[in-house]
């Protein structure tokens, strides 16, 4: 792949939320995880952890558990009940009907530990950025595999719910949930020019 082909892959990737009702093979999912494995990581400590959910019942359980917390949080914010119910139903549907989910987590087990709170927060952010870089690799690989994918940050709002639903190891901290499937829609939303967001020195 030359530079132009790589850029075209990046340009044509979109967040896809609707999928065909057909499974993703284990081999394809393994290739996505292999792509994620090669993302850069802070100190090369590789803090990324992944949970793959393909069982329909587990997807529904996770979606409903997250939905209950989502509903409680939105109601606490004072949003109208009708709006809350619509948002929660949409969230549950998107998560539960995706043929596969990849939950991206971080572990601080191998990261440096500091008594200084500022340095420790920086170390945590480095781990979170490492997970984000792995997720980008997975999203690009999914696009190359002709899959649609959508990056959801919902687990950040309910990490305890996600951990309990999936029985995650104690040191796994949920960061992002990727929904995956063969696309049943096309999206063409553009990006703002980099010139509007860049300073040159």
N, C-alpha and C. Protein backbone atom coordinates (compact mmCIF):
# COMPACT_ATOMS: atom_id res chain seq x y z
N UNK A 1 0.84 -1.19 0.00
CA UNK A 1 0.00 0.00 0.00
C UNK A 1 0.88 1.24 0.00
N UNK A 2 0.65 2.14 -0.96
CA UNK A 2 1.43 3.37 -0.97
C UNK A 2 0.72 4.44 -0.15
N UNK A 3 1.34 5.63 -0.07
CA UNK A 3 0.81 6.69 0.79
C UNK A 3 -0.58 7.13 0.37
N UNK A 4 -0.80 7.21 -0.94
CA UNK A 4 -2.11 7.64 -1.44
C UNK A 4 -3.20 6.64 -1.06
N UNK A 5 -2.88 5.35 -1.15
CA UNK A 5 -3.87 4.32 -0.78
C UNK A 5 -4.17 4.36 0.71
N UNK A 6 -3.13 4.58 1.51
CA UNK A 6 -3.34 4.66 2.96
C UNK A 6 -4.23 5.85 3.30
N UNK A 7 -3.94 7.00 2.70
CA UNK A 7 -4.75 8.18 2.97
C UNK A 7 -6.20 7.97 2.52
N UNK A 8 -6.39 7.29 1.40
CA UNK A 8 -7.74 7.02 0.91
C UNK A 8 -8.50 6.10 1.89
N UNK A 9 -7.80 5.13 2.46
CA UNK A 9 -8.43 4.28 3.48
C UNK A 9 -8.89 5.11 4.66
N UNK A 10 -8.05 6.03 5.09
CA UNK A 10 -8.41 6.90 6.21
C UNK A 10 -9.58 7.81 5.86
N UNK A 11 -9.54 8.36 4.65
CA UNK A 11 -10.59 9.30 4.22
C UNK A 11 -11.95 8.64 4.07
N UNK A 12 -11.97 7.39 3.67
CA UNK A 12 -13.25 6.73 3.37
C UNK A 12 -13.82 5.97 4.56
N UNK A 13 -13.07 5.86 5.65
CA UNK A 13 -13.61 5.23 6.86
C UNK A 13 -14.66 6.15 7.48
N UNK A 14 -15.78 5.58 7.88
CA UNK A 14 -16.84 6.34 8.53
C UNK A 14 -17.38 5.54 9.72
N UNK A 15 -18.05 6.23 10.62
CA UNK A 15 -18.73 5.56 11.73
C UNK A 15 -20.04 4.99 11.21
N UNK A 16 -20.14 3.68 11.21
CA UNK A 16 -21.31 2.97 10.70
C UNK A 16 -22.05 2.34 11.88
N UNK A 17 -23.35 2.61 11.96
CA UNK A 17 -24.14 2.17 13.11
C UNK A 17 -25.18 1.10 12.77
N UNK A 18 -25.39 0.84 11.48
CA UNK A 18 -26.39 -0.16 11.08
C UNK A 18 -25.69 -1.26 10.29
N UNK A 19 -26.02 -2.51 10.63
CA UNK A 19 -25.29 -3.64 10.07
C UNK A 19 -26.23 -4.71 9.53
N UNK A 20 -25.72 -5.46 8.58
CA UNK A 20 -26.44 -6.63 8.09
C UNK A 20 -26.48 -7.70 9.18
N UNK A 21 -27.48 -8.54 9.12
CA UNK A 21 -27.64 -9.60 10.11
C UNK A 21 -26.85 -10.83 9.67
N UNK A 22 -25.53 -10.72 9.75
CA UNK A 22 -24.66 -11.87 9.46
C UNK A 22 -23.41 -11.78 10.32
N UNK A 23 -22.90 -12.92 10.71
CA UNK A 23 -21.79 -12.93 11.66
C UNK A 23 -20.46 -12.51 11.03
N UNK A 24 -19.54 -12.13 11.89
CA UNK A 24 -18.16 -11.86 11.50
C UNK A 24 -17.34 -13.07 11.92
N UNK A 25 -16.53 -13.58 11.01
CA UNK A 25 -15.78 -14.79 11.33
C UNK A 25 -14.74 -14.53 12.42
N UNK A 26 -14.40 -15.59 13.12
CA UNK A 26 -13.38 -15.51 14.17
C UNK A 26 -12.05 -15.03 13.60
N UNK A 27 -11.70 -15.49 12.40
CA UNK A 27 -10.44 -15.10 11.78
C UNK A 27 -10.39 -13.60 11.53
N UNK A 28 -11.50 -13.03 11.07
CA UNK A 28 -11.54 -11.59 10.82
C UNK A 28 -11.38 -10.83 12.13
N UNK A 29 -12.08 -11.25 13.16
CA UNK A 29 -11.96 -10.58 14.46
C UNK A 29 -10.53 -10.66 14.99
N UNK A 30 -9.87 -11.79 14.78
CA UNK A 30 -8.48 -11.93 15.21
C UNK A 30 -7.57 -10.98 14.44
N UNK A 31 -7.85 -10.75 13.17
CA UNK A 31 -7.04 -9.81 12.40
C UNK A 31 -7.23 -8.38 12.92
N UNK A 32 -8.43 -8.05 13.35
CA UNK A 32 -8.65 -6.73 13.93
C UNK A 32 -7.84 -6.57 15.21
N UNK A 33 -7.85 -7.58 16.05
CA UNK A 33 -7.09 -7.52 17.30
C UNK A 33 -5.59 -7.48 17.03
N UNK A 34 -5.15 -8.18 16.01
CA UNK A 34 -3.73 -8.13 15.63
C UNK A 34 -3.34 -6.72 15.21
N UNK A 35 -4.23 -6.06 14.47
CA UNK A 35 -3.96 -4.67 14.08
C UNK A 35 -3.87 -3.78 15.32
N UNK A 36 -4.78 -3.98 16.27
CA UNK A 36 -4.74 -3.19 17.49
C UNK A 36 -3.47 -3.42 18.28
N UNK A 37 -2.97 -4.63 18.26
CA UNK A 37 -1.75 -4.98 18.99
C UNK A 37 -0.55 -4.16 18.55
N UNK A 38 -0.56 -3.72 17.29
CA UNK A 38 0.59 -3.01 16.74
C UNK A 38 0.48 -1.50 16.87
N UNK A 39 -0.52 -1.01 17.58
CA UNK A 39 -0.57 0.42 17.85
C UNK A 39 0.55 0.83 18.79
N UNK A 40 1.05 2.06 18.67
CA UNK A 40 2.07 2.53 19.61
C UNK A 40 1.52 2.53 21.04
N UNK A 41 2.41 2.30 22.01
CA UNK A 41 1.98 2.37 23.40
C UNK A 41 3.06 3.02 24.25
N UNK A 42 2.63 3.70 25.30
CA UNK A 42 3.56 4.41 26.17
C UNK A 42 4.56 3.45 26.80
N UNK A 43 5.84 3.78 26.71
CA UNK A 43 6.94 2.95 27.22
C UNK A 43 6.94 1.55 26.61
N UNK A 44 6.17 1.33 25.58
CA UNK A 44 5.92 -0.01 25.02
C UNK A 44 5.41 -0.98 26.10
N UNK A 45 4.64 -0.46 27.05
CA UNK A 45 4.10 -1.30 28.12
C UNK A 45 2.84 -2.05 27.68
N UNK A 46 2.25 -1.65 26.57
CA UNK A 46 1.10 -2.35 25.98
C UNK A 46 -0.04 -2.52 26.99
N UNK A 47 -0.63 -1.41 27.46
CA UNK A 47 -1.67 -1.48 28.48
C UNK A 47 -3.05 -1.85 27.96
N UNK A 48 -3.19 -2.09 26.66
CA UNK A 48 -4.51 -2.37 26.08
C UNK A 48 -4.97 -3.78 26.44
N UNK A 49 -6.24 -3.89 26.73
CA UNK A 49 -6.90 -5.17 26.95
C UNK A 49 -8.20 -5.16 26.15
N UNK A 50 -8.60 -6.31 25.63
CA UNK A 50 -9.79 -6.37 24.78
C UNK A 50 -10.72 -7.49 25.22
N UNK A 51 -11.99 -7.20 25.21
CA UNK A 51 -13.03 -8.22 25.41
C UNK A 51 -13.88 -8.24 24.15
N UNK A 52 -14.02 -9.41 23.55
CA UNK A 52 -14.80 -9.56 22.31
C UNK A 52 -16.12 -10.23 22.67
N UNK A 53 -17.22 -9.60 22.27
CA UNK A 53 -18.55 -10.12 22.60
C UNK A 53 -19.30 -10.42 21.31
N UNK A 54 -19.50 -11.70 21.03
CA UNK A 54 -20.26 -12.11 19.85
C UNK A 54 -21.54 -12.86 20.23
N UNK A 55 -21.62 -13.34 21.46
CA UNK A 55 -22.81 -14.06 21.90
C UNK A 55 -24.00 -13.09 22.01
N UNK A 56 -25.09 -13.36 21.30
CA UNK A 56 -26.22 -12.42 21.29
C UNK A 56 -26.77 -12.11 22.68
N UNK A 57 -26.88 -13.13 23.52
CA UNK A 57 -27.42 -12.91 24.87
C UNK A 57 -26.51 -12.00 25.69
N UNK A 58 -25.20 -12.16 25.54
CA UNK A 58 -24.26 -11.30 26.28
C UNK A 58 -24.32 -9.87 25.77
N UNK A 59 -24.51 -9.71 24.46
CA UNK A 59 -24.65 -8.36 23.91
C UNK A 59 -25.89 -7.68 24.48
N UNK A 60 -26.99 -8.40 24.52
CA UNK A 60 -28.24 -7.84 25.05
C UNK A 60 -28.09 -7.50 26.53
N UNK A 61 -27.51 -8.40 27.30
CA UNK A 61 -27.31 -8.15 28.73
C UNK A 61 -26.48 -6.89 28.96
N UNK A 62 -25.39 -6.76 28.21
CA UNK A 62 -24.53 -5.59 28.35
C UNK A 62 -25.28 -4.32 27.95
N UNK A 63 -25.96 -4.37 26.82
CA UNK A 63 -26.69 -3.19 26.33
C UNK A 63 -27.76 -2.75 27.32
N UNK A 64 -28.48 -3.70 27.88
CA UNK A 64 -29.55 -3.35 28.81
C UNK A 64 -29.00 -2.82 30.13
N UNK A 65 -27.91 -3.40 30.60
CA UNK A 65 -27.29 -2.92 31.84
C UNK A 65 -26.78 -1.49 31.66
N UNK A 66 -26.10 -1.24 30.55
CA UNK A 66 -25.62 0.11 30.27
C UNK A 66 -26.80 1.06 30.07
N UNK A 67 -27.86 0.57 29.44
CA UNK A 67 -29.03 1.39 29.20
C UNK A 67 -29.70 1.85 30.49
N UNK A 68 -29.75 0.97 31.47
CA UNK A 68 -30.36 1.35 32.75
C UNK A 68 -29.59 2.48 33.42
N UNK A 69 -28.26 2.40 33.38
CA UNK A 69 -27.45 3.48 33.96
C UNK A 69 -27.61 4.76 33.13
N UNK A 70 -27.61 4.63 31.81
CA UNK A 70 -27.78 5.77 30.92
C UNK A 70 -29.09 6.48 31.23
N UNK A 71 -30.16 5.71 31.38
CA UNK A 71 -31.47 6.29 31.68
C UNK A 71 -31.45 7.04 33.00
N UNK A 72 -30.88 6.44 34.03
CA UNK A 72 -30.82 7.10 35.33
C UNK A 72 -30.02 8.40 35.26
N UNK A 73 -28.91 8.38 34.54
CA UNK A 73 -28.08 9.58 34.42
C UNK A 73 -28.81 10.69 33.68
N UNK A 74 -29.49 10.36 32.59
CA UNK A 74 -30.19 11.38 31.81
C UNK A 74 -31.36 11.97 32.60
N UNK A 75 -32.08 11.11 33.31
CA UNK A 75 -33.19 11.62 34.13
C UNK A 75 -32.66 12.53 35.24
N UNK A 76 -31.51 12.18 35.81
CA UNK A 76 -30.90 13.02 36.85
C UNK A 76 -30.50 14.38 36.31
N UNK A 77 -30.23 14.45 34.99
CA UNK A 77 -29.90 15.72 34.35
C UNK A 77 -31.14 16.55 34.05
N UNK A 78 -32.32 15.98 34.28
CA UNK A 78 -33.55 16.72 34.07
C UNK A 78 -34.10 16.69 32.66
N UNK A 79 -33.62 15.78 31.83
CA UNK A 79 -34.13 15.68 30.46
C UNK A 79 -35.55 15.13 30.47
N UNK A 80 -36.36 15.51 29.48
CA UNK A 80 -37.73 15.00 29.40
C UNK A 80 -37.75 13.48 29.28
N UNK A 81 -38.72 12.85 29.92
CA UNK A 81 -38.81 11.40 29.94
C UNK A 81 -38.86 10.82 28.53
N UNK A 82 -39.65 11.45 27.65
CA UNK A 82 -39.79 10.94 26.29
C UNK A 82 -38.45 10.95 25.56
N UNK A 83 -37.69 12.02 25.74
CA UNK A 83 -36.38 12.12 25.10
C UNK A 83 -35.43 11.07 25.66
N UNK A 84 -35.46 10.89 26.96
CA UNK A 84 -34.59 9.90 27.59
C UNK A 84 -34.91 8.50 27.08
N UNK A 85 -36.19 8.16 27.04
CA UNK A 85 -36.58 6.83 26.59
C UNK A 85 -36.14 6.57 25.16
N UNK A 86 -36.25 7.59 24.30
CA UNK A 86 -35.84 7.43 22.91
C UNK A 86 -34.33 7.24 22.80
N UNK A 87 -33.56 8.03 23.54
CA UNK A 87 -32.10 7.91 23.50
C UNK A 87 -31.64 6.56 24.02
N UNK A 88 -32.23 6.12 25.11
CA UNK A 88 -31.83 4.85 25.71
C UNK A 88 -32.19 3.69 24.79
N UNK A 89 -33.38 3.73 24.21
CA UNK A 89 -33.80 2.66 23.29
C UNK A 89 -32.87 2.58 22.09
N UNK A 90 -32.47 3.74 21.57
CA UNK A 90 -31.55 3.77 20.43
C UNK A 90 -30.20 3.19 20.81
N UNK A 91 -29.71 3.54 21.99
CA UNK A 91 -28.42 3.02 22.44
C UNK A 91 -28.46 1.51 22.62
N UNK A 92 -29.51 1.00 23.25
CA UNK A 92 -29.63 -0.44 23.46
C UNK A 92 -29.70 -1.17 22.13
N UNK A 93 -30.46 -0.62 21.20
CA UNK A 93 -30.61 -1.26 19.89
C UNK A 93 -29.27 -1.32 19.16
N UNK A 94 -28.51 -0.24 19.19
CA UNK A 94 -27.23 -0.21 18.47
C UNK A 94 -26.24 -1.22 19.03
N UNK A 95 -26.20 -1.34 20.33
CA UNK A 95 -25.24 -2.25 20.95
C UNK A 95 -25.69 -3.71 20.82
N UNK A 96 -26.96 -3.96 21.08
CA UNK A 96 -27.43 -5.35 21.14
C UNK A 96 -27.55 -6.00 19.77
N UNK A 97 -27.74 -5.21 18.71
CA UNK A 97 -27.93 -5.80 17.38
C UNK A 97 -26.66 -5.84 16.54
N UNK A 98 -25.57 -5.24 17.00
CA UNK A 98 -24.31 -5.34 16.26
C UNK A 98 -23.82 -6.79 16.31
N UNK A 99 -23.40 -7.36 15.19
CA UNK A 99 -22.94 -8.76 15.20
C UNK A 99 -21.77 -9.04 16.13
N UNK A 100 -20.94 -8.03 16.38
CA UNK A 100 -19.81 -8.22 17.29
C UNK A 100 -19.50 -6.90 17.98
N UNK A 101 -18.97 -7.02 19.18
CA UNK A 101 -18.51 -5.87 19.95
C UNK A 101 -17.08 -6.13 20.39
N UNK A 102 -16.28 -5.09 20.38
CA UNK A 102 -14.95 -5.15 21.01
C UNK A 102 -14.90 -4.07 22.08
N UNK A 103 -14.73 -4.49 23.31
CA UNK A 103 -14.56 -3.55 24.41
C UNK A 103 -13.07 -3.32 24.60
N UNK A 104 -12.65 -2.07 24.48
CA UNK A 104 -11.24 -1.72 24.67
C UNK A 104 -11.05 -1.21 26.10
N UNK A 105 -10.11 -1.81 26.79
CA UNK A 105 -9.84 -1.46 28.19
C UNK A 105 -8.37 -1.12 28.36
N UNK A 106 -8.06 -0.49 29.48
CA UNK A 106 -6.65 -0.30 29.83
C UNK A 106 -6.38 -0.94 31.18
N UNK A 107 -5.14 -1.33 31.34
CA UNK A 107 -4.66 -1.84 32.63
C UNK A 107 -3.43 -1.03 33.02
N UNK A 108 -3.41 -0.59 34.25
CA UNK A 108 -2.25 0.16 34.75
C UNK A 108 -1.21 -0.77 35.37
N UNK A 109 -1.40 -2.07 35.25
CA UNK A 109 -0.55 -3.04 35.94
C UNK A 109 0.92 -2.89 35.59
N UNK A 110 1.22 -2.62 34.31
CA UNK A 110 2.62 -2.51 33.89
C UNK A 110 3.09 -1.07 33.72
N UNK A 111 2.20 -0.11 33.97
CA UNK A 111 2.58 1.29 33.83
C UNK A 111 3.34 1.75 35.08
N UNK A 112 4.10 2.84 34.92
CA UNK A 112 4.84 3.38 36.06
C UNK A 112 3.86 3.90 37.11
N UNK A 113 4.27 3.84 38.36
CA UNK A 113 3.45 4.32 39.47
C UNK A 113 4.22 5.43 40.19
N UNK A 114 3.51 6.53 40.49
CA UNK A 114 4.13 7.69 41.13
C UNK A 114 3.34 8.09 42.37
N UNK A 115 4.04 8.59 43.36
CA UNK A 115 3.36 9.16 44.52
C UNK A 115 2.81 10.55 44.21
N UNK A 116 3.42 11.23 43.24
CA UNK A 116 2.97 12.55 42.83
C UNK A 116 1.70 12.42 41.98
N UNK A 117 0.64 13.09 42.39
CA UNK A 117 -0.66 12.94 41.72
C UNK A 117 -0.64 13.43 40.27
N UNK A 118 0.12 14.50 40.02
CA UNK A 118 0.17 15.04 38.66
C UNK A 118 0.86 14.06 37.72
N UNK A 119 1.99 13.52 38.15
CA UNK A 119 2.70 12.55 37.32
C UNK A 119 1.87 11.28 37.14
N UNK A 120 1.18 10.87 38.19
CA UNK A 120 0.36 9.66 38.07
C UNK A 120 -0.79 9.87 37.09
N UNK A 121 -1.40 11.06 37.11
CA UNK A 121 -2.45 11.35 36.15
C UNK A 121 -1.91 11.35 34.73
N UNK A 122 -0.70 11.88 34.55
CA UNK A 122 -0.09 11.86 33.22
C UNK A 122 0.16 10.43 32.76
N UNK A 123 0.58 9.57 33.67
CA UNK A 123 0.81 8.17 33.33
C UNK A 123 -0.50 7.49 32.91
N UNK A 124 -1.58 7.82 33.61
CA UNK A 124 -2.89 7.27 33.25
C UNK A 124 -3.31 7.75 31.86
N UNK A 125 -3.11 9.03 31.59
CA UNK A 125 -3.46 9.56 30.27
C UNK A 125 -2.64 8.90 29.17
N UNK A 126 -1.38 8.61 29.45
CA UNK A 126 -0.56 7.91 28.47
C UNK A 126 -1.13 6.53 28.16
N UNK A 127 -1.62 5.85 29.18
CA UNK A 127 -2.24 4.54 28.96
C UNK A 127 -3.53 4.68 28.15
N UNK A 128 -4.34 5.70 28.48
CA UNK A 128 -5.58 5.92 27.75
C UNK A 128 -5.30 6.26 26.28
N UNK A 129 -4.26 7.07 26.04
CA UNK A 129 -3.89 7.39 24.67
C UNK A 129 -3.41 6.14 23.93
N UNK A 130 -2.73 5.27 24.63
CA UNK A 130 -2.28 4.02 24.01
C UNK A 130 -3.47 3.19 23.54
N UNK A 131 -4.52 3.13 24.36
CA UNK A 131 -5.73 2.41 23.97
C UNK A 131 -6.37 3.07 22.75
N UNK A 132 -6.41 4.40 22.74
CA UNK A 132 -7.01 5.11 21.61
C UNK A 132 -6.27 4.81 20.31
N UNK A 133 -4.94 4.72 20.38
CA UNK A 133 -4.16 4.42 19.19
C UNK A 133 -4.44 3.00 18.70
N UNK A 134 -4.59 2.07 19.62
CA UNK A 134 -4.95 0.70 19.24
C UNK A 134 -6.33 0.66 18.60
N UNK A 135 -7.26 1.42 19.16
CA UNK A 135 -8.62 1.48 18.61
C UNK A 135 -8.61 2.02 17.19
N UNK A 136 -7.81 3.05 16.93
CA UNK A 136 -7.73 3.58 15.57
C UNK A 136 -7.23 2.51 14.60
N UNK A 137 -6.23 1.75 15.01
CA UNK A 137 -5.76 0.66 14.15
C UNK A 137 -6.88 -0.33 13.86
N UNK A 138 -7.65 -0.67 14.88
CA UNK A 138 -8.76 -1.62 14.71
C UNK A 138 -9.80 -1.05 13.75
N UNK A 139 -10.13 0.22 13.90
CA UNK A 139 -11.13 0.84 13.03
C UNK A 139 -10.67 0.85 11.57
N UNK A 140 -9.40 1.15 11.35
CA UNK A 140 -8.88 1.16 9.98
C UNK A 140 -8.85 -0.26 9.41
N UNK A 141 -8.46 -1.22 10.23
CA UNK A 141 -8.45 -2.61 9.77
C UNK A 141 -9.86 -3.09 9.47
N UNK A 142 -10.81 -2.71 10.29
CA UNK A 142 -12.21 -3.08 10.04
C UNK A 142 -12.66 -2.54 8.69
N UNK A 143 -12.31 -1.32 8.39
CA UNK A 143 -12.66 -0.72 7.10
C UNK A 143 -12.01 -1.50 5.96
N UNK A 144 -10.74 -1.86 6.14
CA UNK A 144 -10.05 -2.63 5.11
C UNK A 144 -10.67 -4.01 4.93
N UNK A 145 -11.29 -4.55 5.97
CA UNK A 145 -11.96 -5.85 5.91
C UNK A 145 -13.40 -5.73 5.40
N UNK A 146 -13.77 -4.52 4.95
CA UNK A 146 -15.13 -4.26 4.43
C UNK A 146 -16.18 -4.31 5.53
N UNK A 147 -15.77 -4.08 6.76
CA UNK A 147 -16.71 -4.01 7.88
C UNK A 147 -17.06 -2.56 8.17
N UNK A 148 -18.21 -2.37 8.76
CA UNK A 148 -18.55 -1.09 9.35
C UNK A 148 -18.25 -1.16 10.83
N UNK A 149 -17.95 -0.01 11.42
CA UNK A 149 -17.63 0.03 12.85
C UNK A 149 -18.00 1.39 13.40
N UNK A 150 -18.28 1.42 14.69
CA UNK A 150 -18.56 2.69 15.36
C UNK A 150 -17.91 2.68 16.74
N UNK A 151 -17.21 3.74 17.03
CA UNK A 151 -16.51 3.92 18.30
C UNK A 151 -17.45 4.60 19.29
N UNK A 152 -17.78 3.92 20.39
CA UNK A 152 -18.65 4.47 21.43
C UNK A 152 -17.85 4.65 22.71
N UNK A 153 -17.97 5.81 23.33
CA UNK A 153 -17.28 6.07 24.60
C UNK A 153 -18.18 5.83 25.80
N UNK A 154 -19.36 5.27 25.58
CA UNK A 154 -20.33 5.06 26.66
C UNK A 154 -19.75 4.33 27.88
N UNK A 155 -18.83 3.36 27.71
CA UNK A 155 -18.30 2.68 28.91
C UNK A 155 -17.63 3.61 29.91
N UNK A 156 -17.14 4.76 29.45
CA UNK A 156 -16.51 5.70 30.38
C UNK A 156 -17.50 6.22 31.41
N UNK A 157 -18.79 6.24 31.06
CA UNK A 157 -19.81 6.75 31.97
C UNK A 157 -20.35 5.68 32.92
N UNK A 158 -20.02 4.43 32.66
CA UNK A 158 -20.55 3.35 33.53
C UNK A 158 -19.56 2.19 33.62
N UNK A 159 -18.30 2.46 33.98
CA UNK A 159 -17.30 1.39 33.99
C UNK A 159 -17.64 0.26 34.96
N UNK A 160 -18.28 0.60 36.08
CA UNK A 160 -18.66 -0.44 37.04
C UNK A 160 -19.72 -1.38 36.47
N UNK A 161 -20.65 -0.81 35.70
CA UNK A 161 -21.70 -1.61 35.08
C UNK A 161 -21.10 -2.57 34.06
N UNK A 162 -20.17 -2.06 33.25
CA UNK A 162 -19.53 -2.89 32.23
C UNK A 162 -18.72 -4.00 32.88
N UNK A 163 -17.96 -3.66 33.91
CA UNK A 163 -17.15 -4.67 34.60
C UNK A 163 -18.03 -5.78 35.18
N UNK A 164 -19.12 -5.39 35.82
CA UNK A 164 -20.00 -6.39 36.44
C UNK A 164 -20.68 -7.26 35.39
N UNK A 165 -21.13 -6.64 34.29
CA UNK A 165 -21.83 -7.39 33.26
C UNK A 165 -20.94 -8.44 32.61
N UNK A 166 -19.67 -8.08 32.37
CA UNK A 166 -18.75 -8.98 31.66
C UNK A 166 -17.79 -9.71 32.59
N UNK A 167 -17.87 -9.45 33.89
CA UNK A 167 -16.97 -10.09 34.86
C UNK A 167 -15.51 -9.86 34.47
N UNK A 168 -15.18 -8.60 34.21
CA UNK A 168 -13.83 -8.25 33.80
C UNK A 168 -12.85 -8.39 34.96
N UNK A 169 -11.57 -8.66 34.65
CA UNK A 169 -10.54 -8.64 35.69
C UNK A 169 -10.51 -7.29 36.40
N UNK A 170 -10.12 -7.29 37.64
CA UNK A 170 -10.20 -6.08 38.47
C UNK A 170 -9.40 -4.91 37.91
N UNK A 171 -8.29 -5.20 37.22
CA UNK A 171 -7.44 -4.11 36.73
C UNK A 171 -7.83 -3.62 35.33
N UNK A 172 -8.84 -4.20 34.72
CA UNK A 172 -9.29 -3.76 33.39
C UNK A 172 -10.25 -2.59 33.54
N UNK A 173 -9.90 -1.46 32.94
CA UNK A 173 -10.74 -0.26 33.00
C UNK A 173 -11.31 0.01 31.61
N UNK A 174 -12.63 -0.09 31.49
CA UNK A 174 -13.29 0.07 30.19
C UNK A 174 -13.12 1.49 29.66
N UNK A 175 -12.74 1.59 28.39
CA UNK A 175 -12.50 2.88 27.76
C UNK A 175 -13.40 3.15 26.56
N UNK A 176 -13.65 2.14 25.75
CA UNK A 176 -14.42 2.34 24.52
C UNK A 176 -15.07 1.03 24.11
N UNK A 177 -16.21 1.16 23.44
CA UNK A 177 -16.91 -0.01 22.91
C UNK A 177 -17.05 0.17 21.41
N UNK A 178 -16.55 -0.80 20.64
CA UNK A 178 -16.66 -0.77 19.19
C UNK A 178 -17.77 -1.71 18.76
N UNK A 179 -18.74 -1.18 18.02
CA UNK A 179 -19.74 -2.04 17.39
C UNK A 179 -19.24 -2.36 15.99
N UNK A 180 -19.45 -3.60 15.56
CA UNK A 180 -18.89 -4.08 14.30
C UNK A 180 -19.91 -4.91 13.53
N UNK A 181 -19.86 -4.79 12.20
CA UNK A 181 -20.71 -5.62 11.36
C UNK A 181 -20.53 -5.23 9.90
N UNK A 182 -21.12 -6.01 9.03
CA UNK A 182 -21.09 -5.66 7.61
C UNK A 182 -22.11 -4.55 7.39
N UNK A 183 -21.70 -3.45 6.78
CA UNK A 183 -22.53 -2.24 6.78
C UNK A 183 -23.84 -2.39 6.03
N UNK A 184 -24.90 -1.85 6.64
CA UNK A 184 -26.21 -1.77 6.00
C UNK A 184 -26.56 -0.32 5.71
N UNK A 185 -25.57 0.55 5.75
CA UNK A 185 -25.76 1.96 5.42
C UNK A 185 -24.44 2.53 4.92
N UNK A 186 -24.52 3.68 4.28
CA UNK A 186 -23.33 4.41 3.86
C UNK A 186 -23.40 5.81 4.46
N UNK A 187 -22.25 6.31 4.85
CA UNK A 187 -22.18 7.66 5.42
C UNK A 187 -21.05 8.42 4.73
N UNK A 188 -21.27 9.72 4.53
CA UNK A 188 -20.32 10.51 3.75
C UNK A 188 -19.97 11.83 4.42
N UNK A 189 -20.18 11.94 5.73
CA UNK A 189 -19.92 13.20 6.41
C UNK A 189 -18.45 13.59 6.26
N UNK A 190 -18.21 14.86 5.93
CA UNK A 190 -16.86 15.35 5.66
C UNK A 190 -16.20 15.81 6.96
N UNK A 191 -14.95 16.21 6.85
CA UNK A 191 -14.21 16.79 7.95
C UNK A 191 -13.87 18.24 7.62
N UNK A 192 -13.68 19.04 8.67
CA UNK A 192 -13.23 20.40 8.45
C UNK A 192 -11.78 20.38 7.99
N UNK A 193 -11.38 21.34 7.15
CA UNK A 193 -9.99 21.38 6.67
C UNK A 193 -9.01 21.51 7.84
N UNK A 194 -7.89 20.82 7.74
CA UNK A 194 -6.91 20.89 8.83
C UNK A 194 -6.39 22.31 9.01
N UNK A 195 -6.45 23.11 7.92
CA UNK A 195 -5.94 24.48 8.00
C UNK A 195 -6.67 25.31 9.05
N UNK A 196 -7.94 24.97 9.33
CA UNK A 196 -8.72 25.74 10.31
C UNK A 196 -8.38 25.37 11.74
N UNK A 197 -7.58 24.33 11.94
CA UNK A 197 -7.30 23.84 13.29
C UNK A 197 -5.80 23.66 13.55
N UNK A 198 -4.97 24.32 12.75
CA UNK A 198 -3.53 24.09 12.82
C UNK A 198 -2.77 25.40 12.98
N UNK A 199 -1.79 25.40 13.86
CA UNK A 199 -0.83 26.50 13.98
C UNK A 199 0.52 26.01 13.46
N UNK A 200 1.19 26.85 12.69
CA UNK A 200 2.53 26.52 12.18
C UNK A 200 3.53 27.47 12.83
N UNK A 201 4.67 26.94 13.25
CA UNK A 201 5.72 27.76 13.87
C UNK A 201 7.04 27.57 13.14
